[in-house]
Amino acid sequence: MSIPDQYDDILIQNKQIILNGIIGAATPSEVESSVFFARYIRNIGINPTNYWIFLRILETNNKYIVDSLVGNNDPRLLFTILKPNRAIIKRAFQLLTVWHPGQIYYKVLLAILGIIESCYHNANDGYEIYDLDISELNNIGKFLDPEMDQDYLINATILDILDWISSLGRYDGDLRKINVAKQSHGIRMAYFDNTKKLTDIISKVLLVRIEREKSEVKPSPEFLAFMEKLSHTSI
């Protein structure tokens, strides 16, 4: 059922209250409301007209809200129904730039990497959609975890992306592409080569780790208990 036009003023006047209830994460009550909205939008499903809502929910970087959005699905596949476009790729890189290693919830990171992965699976085609630069490439590489092996899902996803991007400019001789490809190869080698470190090729500032759990707002214990019970029902 559509909303009658006379409600437009109500929606506009209460815009912030509504937004706090669907993408808010500043208080336990906002998180609880956003968890249910994320569950609702997940059941609707992602499409070309609502995918920015999914991305905005991911941007809360709140474990409880994101878990409700992703469910039991692979986060990397969240946006695969969409054809890659410049706007969403640009936003993905902006988010990787803002967050430090350790600061971003792993499902959010995997979902963002999935956006980039779908664009650069064919690196030259992806470059035509969004011509990433070396700084953006470094903001992918900074999320490699040297303490984990190459089969660790985040590492494996990043290493695949870097591998594809390493092929840029191989056939057309574009110097800018070649420089990006060299940096991509260099980041991969810094991970694999025991004589090298990521700090040899990526600024130490980018590699600073921040623990996200210290600032995350949690729902109330009663709400968590209710969600646990709900997860065992067919509701």
Protein backbone atom coordinates (compact mmCIF):
# COMPACT_ATOMS: atom_id res chain seq x y z
CA MET A 1 0.00 0.00 0.00
CA SER A 2 1.44 3.36 -0.98
CA ILE A 3 1.72 6.24 1.47
CA PRO A 4 -0.85 8.99 0.84
CA ASP A 5 0.56 12.35 -0.26
CA GLN A 6 -0.67 14.04 2.93
CA TYR A 7 1.96 12.08 4.88
CA ASP A 8 4.83 13.70 2.98
CA ASP A 9 5.05 16.56 5.48
CA ILE A 10 5.09 14.09 8.37
CA LEU A 11 7.95 12.17 6.80
CA ILE A 12 9.91 15.35 6.11
CA GLN A 13 9.36 16.80 9.58
CA ASN A 14 10.39 13.56 11.24
CA LYS A 15 13.18 12.66 8.85
CA GLN A 16 15.90 12.37 11.50
CA ILE A 17 13.75 10.24 13.81
CA ILE A 18 13.00 7.88 10.92
CA LEU A 19 16.64 7.70 9.83
CA ASN A 20 17.75 6.98 13.41
CA GLY A 21 15.30 4.10 13.45
CA ILE A 22 16.54 2.47 10.25
CA ILE A 23 20.26 3.25 10.07
CA GLY A 24 21.00 4.59 13.55
CA ALA A 25 23.71 3.02 15.72
CA ALA A 26 24.38 5.67 18.35
CA THR A 27 22.22 4.21 21.15
CA PRO A 28 21.01 0.72 22.07
CA SER A 29 17.44 1.60 21.03
CA GLU A 30 18.63 2.84 17.62
CA VAL A 31 20.65 -0.34 17.11
CA GLU A 32 17.66 -2.49 18.04
CA SER A 33 15.36 -0.66 15.63
CA SER A 34 17.98 -0.76 12.86
CA VAL A 35 18.45 -4.51 13.37
CA PHE A 36 14.79 -5.10 12.56
CA PHE A 37 14.86 -2.76 9.57
CA ALA A 38 17.95 -4.55 8.24
CA ARG A 39 16.11 -7.86 8.60
CA TYR A 40 13.12 -6.37 6.78
CA ILE A 41 15.15 -4.99 3.84
CA ARG A 42 17.06 -8.27 3.57
CA ASN A 43 13.77 -10.09 3.08
CA ILE A 44 12.78 -7.63 0.36
CA GLY A 45 16.06 -8.27 -1.43
CA ILE A 46 18.57 -6.00 -3.09
CA ASN A 47 17.81 -4.42 -6.47
CA PRO A 48 19.01 -1.48 -8.62
CA THR A 49 16.68 0.97 -6.87
CA ASN A 50 17.40 0.12 -3.23
CA TYR A 51 21.04 -0.97 -3.11
CA TRP A 52 22.17 2.33 -1.61
CA ILE A 53 20.06 1.47 1.45
CA PHE A 54 22.01 -1.78 1.82
CA LEU A 55 25.29 0.09 1.49
CA ARG A 56 24.20 2.72 4.01
CA ILE A 57 23.30 0.00 6.51
CA LEU A 58 26.76 -1.53 6.04
CA GLU A 59 28.24 1.88 6.80
CA THR A 60 26.92 1.65 10.36
CA ASN A 61 29.75 -0.86 10.83
CA ASN A 62 27.69 -2.30 13.66
CA LYS A 63 27.98 -6.06 14.09
CA TYR A 64 24.38 -6.59 15.16
CA ILE A 65 22.85 -4.51 12.37
CA VAL A 66 25.12 -5.97 9.70
CA ASP A 67 24.53 -9.55 10.86
CA SER A 68 20.80 -8.92 10.47
CA LEU A 69 21.33 -7.55 6.96
CA VAL A 70 23.62 -10.31 5.72
CA GLY A 71 22.01 -13.26 7.48
CA ASN A 72 23.73 -16.56 6.69
CA ASN A 73 24.84 -15.42 3.24
CA ASP A 74 28.37 -14.78 2.00
CA PRO A 75 28.86 -11.00 2.44
CA ARG A 76 30.95 -10.85 -0.74
CA LEU A 77 27.86 -11.80 -2.76
CA LEU A 78 25.60 -9.11 -1.32
CA PHE A 79 25.89 -6.80 -4.34
CA THR A 80 26.61 -9.33 -7.10
CA ILE A 81 23.12 -8.97 -8.56
CA LEU A 82 24.10 -5.43 -9.57
CA LYS A 83 26.07 -4.37 -12.61
CA PRO A 84 29.17 -2.53 -11.33
CA ASN A 85 28.96 1.24 -11.70
CA ARG A 86 31.31 4.10 -10.99
CA ALA A 87 29.31 5.53 -8.07
CA ILE A 88 29.25 2.37 -5.96
CA ILE A 89 32.91 1.54 -6.72
CA LYS A 90 33.92 5.05 -5.69
CA ARG A 91 31.95 4.71 -2.45
CA ALA A 92 33.56 1.34 -1.74
CA PHE A 93 37.03 2.89 -2.00
CA GLN A 94 35.97 5.84 0.17
CA LEU A 95 34.90 3.46 2.93
CA LEU A 96 38.16 1.52 2.75
CA THR A 97 39.99 4.84 3.03
CA VAL A 98 38.07 5.93 6.14
CA TRP A 99 38.54 2.74 8.15
CA HIS A 100 41.75 1.29 9.55
CA PRO A 101 42.67 -2.40 9.78
CA GLY A 102 40.84 -3.92 12.73
CA GLN A 103 38.30 -1.09 12.83
CA ILE A 104 35.92 -2.47 10.23
CA TYR A 105 33.62 -5.41 10.99
CA TYR A 106 34.80 -8.34 8.89
CA LYS A 107 31.42 -8.84 7.18
CA VAL A 108 31.38 -5.18 6.15
CA LEU A 109 34.91 -5.52 4.78
CA LEU A 110 34.01 -8.65 2.82
CA ALA A 111 30.90 -6.99 1.37
CA ILE A 112 32.93 -3.97 0.23
CA LEU A 113 35.65 -6.20 -1.19
CA GLY A 114 32.90 -8.09 -3.02
CA ILE A 115 31.89 -4.86 -4.78
CA ILE A 116 35.50 -4.30 -5.88
CA GLU A 117 35.95 -7.97 -6.76
CA SER A 118 32.96 -7.93 -9.12
CA CYS A 119 34.32 -4.83 -10.88
CA TYR A 120 37.95 -5.89 -11.36
CA HIS A 121 37.56 -9.58 -12.10
CA ASN A 122 38.51 -8.40 -15.56
CA ALA A 123 40.89 -5.63 -14.55
CA ASN A 124 40.89 -3.65 -17.78
CA ASP A 125 37.10 -3.67 -18.02
CA GLY A 126 36.91 -2.65 -14.38
CA TYR A 127 39.37 0.17 -14.96
CA GLU A 128 37.07 1.55 -17.65
CA ILE A 129 34.30 1.72 -15.05
CA TYR A 130 36.51 3.20 -12.33
CA ASP A 131 40.15 4.15 -12.87
CA LEU A 132 41.53 3.45 -9.41
CA ASP A 133 44.84 4.99 -8.38
CA ILE A 134 47.75 3.82 -6.23
CA SER A 135 46.41 5.35 -3.01
CA GLU A 136 43.13 3.50 -3.44
CA LEU A 137 45.03 0.30 -4.14
CA ASN A 138 46.99 0.78 -0.90
CA ASN A 139 43.70 1.09 0.94
CA ILE A 140 42.83 -2.41 -0.25
CA GLY A 141 46.24 -3.83 0.59
CA LYS A 142 46.30 -2.40 4.12
CA PHE A 143 43.63 -4.93 5.12
CA LEU A 144 45.89 -7.90 4.43
CA ASP A 145 46.64 -9.67 7.69
CA PRO A 146 50.26 -10.92 7.72
CA GLU A 147 49.46 -13.03 10.80
CA MET A 148 46.96 -15.09 8.80
CA ASP A 149 47.67 -17.40 5.88
CA GLN A 150 46.61 -16.85 2.28
CA ASP A 151 43.52 -19.06 2.66
CA TYR A 152 42.03 -16.75 5.30
CA LEU A 153 38.97 -15.40 3.49
CA ILE A 154 39.83 -11.70 3.71
CA ASN A 155 43.43 -12.33 2.62
CA ALA A 156 42.34 -14.66 -0.19
CA THR A 157 39.85 -12.10 -1.52
CA ILE A 158 42.35 -9.23 -1.41
CA LEU A 159 45.11 -11.32 -2.99
CA ASP A 160 42.79 -12.28 -5.85
CA ILE A 161 41.89 -8.63 -6.46
CA LEU A 162 45.56 -7.60 -6.40
CA ASP A 163 46.41 -10.43 -8.78
CA TRP A 164 43.81 -9.29 -11.31
CA ILE A 165 44.85 -5.65 -11.05
CA SER A 166 48.48 -6.69 -11.60
CA SER A 167 47.53 -7.42 -15.22
CA LEU A 168 46.51 -3.81 -15.97
CA GLY A 169 48.19 -2.22 -18.96
CA ARG A 170 49.77 -5.48 -20.09
CA TYR A 171 48.49 -5.11 -23.64
CA ASP A 172 47.78 -1.41 -24.18
CA GLY A 173 50.94 0.05 -22.60
CA ASP A 174 49.03 2.71 -20.66
CA LEU A 175 51.64 4.10 -18.22
CA ARG A 176 49.14 4.96 -15.49
CA LYS A 177 47.71 1.45 -15.61
CA ILE A 178 51.21 -0.04 -15.54
CA ASN A 179 52.13 1.95 -12.42
CA VAL A 180 48.99 0.75 -10.63
CA ALA A 181 49.74 -2.83 -11.75
CA LYS A 182 53.31 -2.60 -10.41
CA GLN A 183 52.05 -1.38 -7.04
CA SER A 184 49.49 -4.18 -6.94
CA HIS A 185 52.18 -6.76 -7.65
CA GLY A 186 54.43 -5.16 -5.04
CA ILE A 187 51.77 -5.42 -2.32
CA ARG A 188 51.21 -9.11 -3.12
CA MET A 189 54.95 -9.79 -2.95
CA ALA A 190 55.26 -7.92 0.35
CA TYR A 191 52.71 -10.35 1.77
CA PHE A 192 54.22 -13.53 0.29
CA ASP A 193 57.94 -12.73 0.60
CA ASN A 194 59.25 -13.53 4.08
CA THR A 195 62.06 -11.00 3.60
CA LYS A 196 59.59 -8.13 3.13
CA LYS A 197 56.86 -6.40 5.13
CA LEU A 198 53.75 -4.49 4.11
CA THR A 199 55.37 -1.37 5.55
CA ASP A 200 57.98 -1.64 2.78
CA ILE A 201 55.33 -0.64 0.24
CA ILE A 202 52.38 0.80 2.21
CA SER A 203 52.64 3.75 4.59
CA LYS A 204 52.79 2.83 8.28
CA VAL A 205 50.01 5.34 8.92
CA LEU A 206 47.60 3.29 6.80
CA LEU A 207 48.56 0.08 8.60
CA VAL A 208 47.78 1.33 12.11
CA ARG A 209 45.26 -1.04 13.72
CA ILE A 210 42.24 0.25 15.66
CA GLU A 211 40.07 -2.07 17.71
CA ARG A 212 36.45 -1.52 16.73
CA GLU A 213 34.82 -3.25 19.68
CA LYS A 214 35.78 -0.43 22.04
CA SER A 215 33.34 1.99 20.39
CA GLU A 216 30.55 -0.30 19.21
CA VAL A 217 27.07 0.26 20.65
CA LYS A 218 25.33 -2.98 21.63
CA PRO A 219 21.62 -3.76 21.98
CA SER A 220 20.26 -4.45 25.45
CA PRO A 221 20.76 -7.94 26.93
CA GLU A 222 16.98 -8.46 26.73
CA PHE A 223 16.99 -7.70 23.03
CA LEU A 224 19.91 -10.05 22.39
CA ALA A 225 18.06 -12.80 24.24
CA PHE A 226 14.96 -12.15 22.15
CA MET A 227 16.97 -12.27 18.90
CA GLU A 228 18.58 -15.52 19.97
CA LYS A 229 15.13 -17.00 20.55
CA LEU A 230 13.90 -15.58 17.23
CA SER A 231 16.79 -17.22 15.37
CA HIS A 232 15.44 -20.62 16.42
CA THR A 233 11.93 -19.98 15.11
CA SER A 234 10.45 -19.70 11.62
CA ILE A 235 9.20 -16.16 12.20
